[in-house]
């Protein structure tokens, strides 16, 4: 008897992650789609572009008949990356205040 193989696939709302979820599903994996909201800004028309990306990711999950979850890392992203507490190497992080 083969064990159930469950994976979480990060979905950006774009084509690459949607195809990754599709291929995993076709390979027999039990896939759960996750959209991570990392930014909470509005464009020049007052629209948060992450909302459209999230809707697209949700539609992918509907089409593939897989569960969908959205998680928000807006606060963590702001505090850890933009406020200078990024744990990556200084020279690699374009948002590091000392660069």
N, C-alpha and C. Protein backbone atom coordinates (compact mmCIF):
# COMPACT_ATOMS: atom_id res chain seq x y z
N UNK A 1 0.84 -1.18 0.00
CA UNK A 1 0.00 0.00 0.00
C UNK A 1 0.89 1.25 0.00
N UNK A 2 0.59 2.17 -0.91
CA UNK A 2 1.39 3.38 -1.04
C UNK A 2 0.86 4.46 -0.10
N UNK A 3 1.76 5.15 0.58
CA UNK A 3 1.38 6.23 1.49
C UNK A 3 0.89 7.43 0.69
N UNK A 4 -0.04 8.16 1.26
CA UNK A 4 -0.53 9.38 0.63
C UNK A 4 0.60 10.40 0.65
N UNK A 5 0.83 11.01 -0.48
CA UNK A 5 1.88 12.02 -0.59
C UNK A 5 1.20 13.39 -0.67
N UNK A 6 1.31 14.14 0.40
CA UNK A 6 0.66 15.44 0.47
C UNK A 6 1.71 16.54 0.37
N UNK A 7 1.49 17.49 -0.52
CA UNK A 7 2.41 18.61 -0.68
C UNK A 7 1.63 19.92 -0.66
N UNK A 8 2.32 20.95 -0.25
CA UNK A 8 1.78 22.30 -0.31
C UNK A 8 2.50 23.00 -1.45
N UNK A 9 1.73 23.60 -2.34
CA UNK A 9 2.31 24.30 -3.49
C UNK A 9 1.99 25.78 -3.36
N UNK A 10 3.03 26.60 -3.27
CA UNK A 10 2.84 28.05 -3.20
C UNK A 10 2.36 28.53 -4.56
N UNK A 11 1.25 29.24 -4.57
CA UNK A 11 0.67 29.77 -5.81
C UNK A 11 0.76 31.28 -5.81
N UNK A 12 1.36 31.83 -6.86
CA UNK A 12 1.55 33.28 -6.96
C UNK A 12 0.41 33.96 -7.70
N UNK A 13 -0.39 33.16 -8.39
CA UNK A 13 -1.40 33.73 -9.28
C UNK A 13 -0.90 33.75 -10.71
N UNK A 14 0.33 33.32 -10.91
CA UNK A 14 0.92 33.28 -12.25
C UNK A 14 0.91 31.88 -12.85
N UNK A 15 1.43 31.79 -14.04
CA UNK A 15 1.40 30.54 -14.80
C UNK A 15 2.34 29.48 -14.23
N UNK A 16 3.55 29.86 -13.86
CA UNK A 16 4.54 28.87 -13.41
C UNK A 16 4.06 28.06 -12.22
N UNK A 17 3.55 28.73 -11.20
CA UNK A 17 3.11 28.01 -10.01
C UNK A 17 1.85 27.19 -10.29
N UNK A 18 0.99 27.68 -11.19
CA UNK A 18 -0.21 26.93 -11.56
C UNK A 18 0.18 25.63 -12.27
N UNK A 19 1.15 25.70 -13.16
CA UNK A 19 1.62 24.50 -13.86
C UNK A 19 2.28 23.54 -12.88
N UNK A 20 3.03 24.07 -11.92
CA UNK A 20 3.65 23.21 -10.91
C UNK A 20 2.58 22.44 -10.14
N UNK A 21 1.51 23.12 -9.74
CA UNK A 21 0.41 22.45 -9.02
C UNK A 21 -0.24 21.39 -9.90
N UNK A 22 -0.45 21.71 -11.16
CA UNK A 22 -1.04 20.75 -12.10
C UNK A 22 -0.17 19.51 -12.24
N UNK A 23 1.12 19.71 -12.43
CA UNK A 23 2.03 18.57 -12.61
C UNK A 23 2.10 17.71 -11.35
N UNK A 24 2.11 18.34 -10.19
CA UNK A 24 2.11 17.58 -8.94
C UNK A 24 0.83 16.74 -8.83
N UNK A 25 -0.29 17.34 -9.17
CA UNK A 25 -1.58 16.62 -9.12
C UNK A 25 -1.57 15.45 -10.08
N UNK A 26 -1.07 15.67 -11.28
CA UNK A 26 -1.00 14.59 -12.28
C UNK A 26 -0.09 13.45 -11.84
N UNK A 27 0.91 13.77 -11.03
CA UNK A 27 1.83 12.74 -10.51
C UNK A 27 1.26 11.98 -9.32
N UNK A 28 0.05 12.34 -8.93
CA UNK A 28 -0.61 11.61 -7.86
C UNK A 28 -0.47 12.20 -6.48
N UNK A 29 0.09 13.38 -6.39
CA UNK A 29 0.22 14.02 -5.08
C UNK A 29 -1.12 14.63 -4.66
N UNK A 30 -1.35 14.64 -3.37
CA UNK A 30 -2.47 15.37 -2.80
C UNK A 30 -1.94 16.79 -2.58
N UNK A 31 -2.45 17.74 -3.36
CA UNK A 31 -1.89 19.10 -3.39
C UNK A 31 -2.81 20.07 -2.66
N UNK A 32 -2.22 20.93 -1.88
CA UNK A 32 -2.92 22.07 -1.29
C UNK A 32 -2.25 23.33 -1.80
N UNK A 33 -3.05 24.24 -2.35
CA UNK A 33 -2.52 25.50 -2.85
C UNK A 33 -2.51 26.56 -1.76
N UNK A 34 -1.42 27.30 -1.68
CA UNK A 34 -1.30 28.36 -0.68
C UNK A 34 -0.85 29.66 -1.35
N UNK A 35 -1.57 30.72 -1.07
CA UNK A 35 -1.19 32.05 -1.55
C UNK A 35 -0.70 32.83 -0.34
N UNK A 36 0.51 33.36 -0.44
CA UNK A 36 1.09 34.16 0.64
C UNK A 36 1.02 35.64 0.27
N UNK A 37 0.28 36.39 1.05
CA UNK A 37 0.21 37.84 0.82
C UNK A 37 1.32 38.49 1.63
N UNK A 38 2.28 39.08 0.94
CA UNK A 38 3.44 39.67 1.59
C UNK A 38 3.44 41.20 1.56
N UNK A 39 2.55 41.77 0.82
CA UNK A 39 2.57 43.22 0.64
C UNK A 39 1.14 43.73 0.62
N UNK A 40 0.93 44.92 1.11
CA UNK A 40 -0.42 45.45 1.25
C UNK A 40 -0.50 46.87 0.71
N UNK A 41 -0.03 47.07 -0.50
CA UNK A 41 -0.06 48.42 -1.05
C UNK A 41 -1.09 48.52 -2.16
N UNK A 42 -1.48 49.74 -2.44
CA UNK A 42 -2.43 50.01 -3.50
C UNK A 42 -1.70 50.61 -4.69
N UNK A 43 -2.18 50.26 -5.89
CA UNK A 43 -1.57 50.87 -7.07
C UNK A 43 -2.16 52.27 -7.27
N UNK A 44 -1.83 52.90 -8.39
CA UNK A 44 -2.27 54.28 -8.62
C UNK A 44 -3.79 54.41 -8.76
N UNK A 45 -4.49 53.28 -8.93
CA UNK A 45 -5.95 53.29 -9.05
C UNK A 45 -6.63 52.87 -7.75
N UNK A 46 -5.86 52.71 -6.68
CA UNK A 46 -6.43 52.32 -5.40
C UNK A 46 -6.73 50.84 -5.28
N UNK A 47 -6.09 50.04 -6.11
CA UNK A 47 -6.33 48.60 -6.11
C UNK A 47 -5.09 47.89 -5.58
N UNK A 48 -5.30 46.94 -4.71
CA UNK A 48 -4.18 46.12 -4.22
C UNK A 48 -3.97 44.99 -5.23
N UNK A 49 -2.84 45.02 -5.91
CA UNK A 49 -2.60 44.03 -6.97
C UNK A 49 -2.49 42.62 -6.43
N UNK A 50 -2.14 42.47 -5.16
CA UNK A 50 -2.07 41.13 -4.57
C UNK A 50 -3.46 40.50 -4.53
N UNK A 51 -4.51 41.31 -4.46
CA UNK A 51 -5.86 40.76 -4.43
C UNK A 51 -6.18 40.03 -5.73
N UNK A 52 -5.78 40.60 -6.86
CA UNK A 52 -6.00 39.93 -8.15
C UNK A 52 -5.18 38.65 -8.23
N UNK A 53 -3.95 38.71 -7.78
CA UNK A 53 -3.11 37.50 -7.77
C UNK A 53 -3.74 36.41 -6.91
N UNK A 54 -4.30 36.80 -5.78
CA UNK A 54 -4.95 35.85 -4.89
C UNK A 54 -6.18 35.23 -5.56
N UNK A 55 -6.96 36.05 -6.24
CA UNK A 55 -8.13 35.54 -6.98
C UNK A 55 -7.70 34.55 -8.05
N UNK A 56 -6.62 34.85 -8.75
CA UNK A 56 -6.12 33.95 -9.78
C UNK A 56 -5.66 32.63 -9.17
N UNK A 57 -4.97 32.70 -8.04
CA UNK A 57 -4.52 31.48 -7.35
C UNK A 57 -5.72 30.66 -6.90
N UNK A 58 -6.75 31.33 -6.40
CA UNK A 58 -7.97 30.64 -5.96
C UNK A 58 -8.63 29.92 -7.14
N UNK A 59 -8.70 30.60 -8.29
CA UNK A 59 -9.30 29.98 -9.49
C UNK A 59 -8.53 28.74 -9.92
N UNK A 60 -7.21 28.80 -9.83
CA UNK A 60 -6.39 27.63 -10.17
C UNK A 60 -6.78 26.46 -9.28
N UNK A 61 -6.94 26.72 -8.00
CA UNK A 61 -7.32 25.66 -7.06
C UNK A 61 -8.70 25.10 -7.38
N UNK A 62 -9.62 25.97 -7.77
CA UNK A 62 -10.95 25.50 -8.16
C UNK A 62 -10.87 24.59 -9.38
N UNK A 63 -10.12 25.01 -10.37
CA UNK A 63 -9.98 24.23 -11.61
C UNK A 63 -9.33 22.89 -11.33
N UNK A 64 -8.31 22.88 -10.49
CA UNK A 64 -7.59 21.63 -10.18
C UNK A 64 -8.27 20.82 -9.09
N UNK A 65 -9.33 21.37 -8.50
CA UNK A 65 -10.07 20.71 -7.42
C UNK A 65 -9.14 20.37 -6.25
N UNK A 66 -8.41 21.40 -5.82
CA UNK A 66 -7.52 21.23 -4.67
C UNK A 66 -7.87 22.29 -3.62
N UNK A 67 -7.58 22.02 -2.35
CA UNK A 67 -7.86 23.01 -1.31
C UNK A 67 -7.02 24.27 -1.51
N UNK A 68 -7.58 25.39 -1.08
CA UNK A 68 -6.90 26.69 -1.18
C UNK A 68 -6.80 27.32 0.20
N UNK A 69 -5.65 27.87 0.50
CA UNK A 69 -5.45 28.61 1.74
C UNK A 69 -4.70 29.90 1.43
N UNK A 70 -5.09 30.97 2.11
CA UNK A 70 -4.36 32.23 2.01
C UNK A 70 -3.76 32.54 3.37
N UNK A 71 -2.50 32.92 3.37
CA UNK A 71 -1.85 33.33 4.60
C UNK A 71 -1.26 34.72 4.40
N UNK A 72 -1.31 35.51 5.44
CA UNK A 72 -0.78 36.87 5.36
C UNK A 72 0.52 36.97 6.13
N UNK A 73 1.54 37.44 5.44
CA UNK A 73 2.82 37.72 6.06
C UNK A 73 3.17 39.20 5.89
N UNK A 74 2.15 40.03 5.74
CA UNK A 74 2.37 41.46 5.50
C UNK A 74 3.19 42.07 6.64
N UNK A 75 2.78 41.82 7.86
CA UNK A 75 3.47 42.41 9.01
C UNK A 75 4.91 41.89 9.11
N UNK A 76 5.08 40.58 8.98
CA UNK A 76 6.41 39.99 9.08
C UNK A 76 7.33 40.49 7.96
N UNK A 77 6.78 40.58 6.75
CA UNK A 77 7.57 41.04 5.61
C UNK A 77 8.03 42.48 5.83
N UNK A 78 7.11 43.31 6.30
CA UNK A 78 7.46 44.70 6.56
C UNK A 78 8.53 44.80 7.65
N UNK A 79 8.31 44.11 8.75
CA UNK A 79 9.23 44.19 9.89
C UNK A 79 10.59 43.55 9.60
N UNK A 80 10.59 42.40 8.95
CA UNK A 80 11.84 41.66 8.76
C UNK A 80 12.65 42.09 7.54
N UNK A 81 11.99 42.58 6.51
CA UNK A 81 12.71 42.95 5.29
C UNK A 81 12.88 44.46 5.20
N UNK A 82 11.81 45.20 5.29
CA UNK A 82 11.88 46.63 5.04
C UNK A 82 12.33 47.45 6.23
N UNK A 83 12.29 46.89 7.41
CA UNK A 83 12.75 47.64 8.57
C UNK A 83 14.16 47.24 8.95
N UNK A 84 14.82 46.47 8.10
CA UNK A 84 16.24 46.20 8.29
C UNK A 84 16.59 44.98 9.10
N UNK A 85 15.64 44.08 9.32
CA UNK A 85 15.96 42.89 10.09
C UNK A 85 16.02 41.66 9.20
N UNK A 86 16.32 41.88 7.96
CA UNK A 86 16.44 40.78 6.99
C UNK A 86 17.65 39.93 7.38
N UNK A 87 17.47 38.62 7.45
CA UNK A 87 18.53 37.72 7.87
C UNK A 87 19.39 37.22 6.70
N UNK A 88 19.12 37.74 5.52
CA UNK A 88 19.92 37.32 4.37
C UNK A 88 21.25 38.07 4.37
N UNK A 89 22.13 37.66 3.51
CA UNK A 89 23.44 38.31 3.40
C UNK A 89 23.25 39.73 2.90
N UNK A 90 23.92 40.69 3.52
CA UNK A 90 23.78 42.11 3.18
C UNK A 90 23.88 42.40 1.69
N UNK A 91 24.87 41.82 1.05
CA UNK A 91 25.10 42.15 -0.36
C UNK A 91 24.03 41.57 -1.27
N UNK A 92 23.25 40.61 -0.77
CA UNK A 92 22.22 40.00 -1.60
C UNK A 92 20.87 40.69 -1.45
N UNK A 93 20.67 41.38 -0.35
CA UNK A 93 19.36 41.97 -0.07
C UNK A 93 19.33 43.41 -0.54
N UNK A 94 18.62 43.67 -1.63
CA UNK A 94 18.58 45.02 -2.18
C UNK A 94 17.86 46.00 -1.26
N UNK A 95 17.10 45.49 -0.30
CA UNK A 95 16.34 46.35 0.59
C UNK A 95 17.03 46.58 1.92
N UNK A 96 18.24 46.07 2.07
CA UNK A 96 18.96 46.24 3.32
C UNK A 96 19.36 47.70 3.46
N UNK A 97 19.02 48.34 4.58
CA UNK A 97 19.27 49.78 4.74
C UNK A 97 20.73 50.18 4.58
N UNK A 98 21.67 49.30 4.89
CA UNK A 98 23.08 49.65 4.81
C UNK A 98 23.67 49.51 3.43
N UNK A 99 22.88 49.13 2.47
CA UNK A 99 23.41 48.91 1.12
C UNK A 99 23.34 50.14 0.28
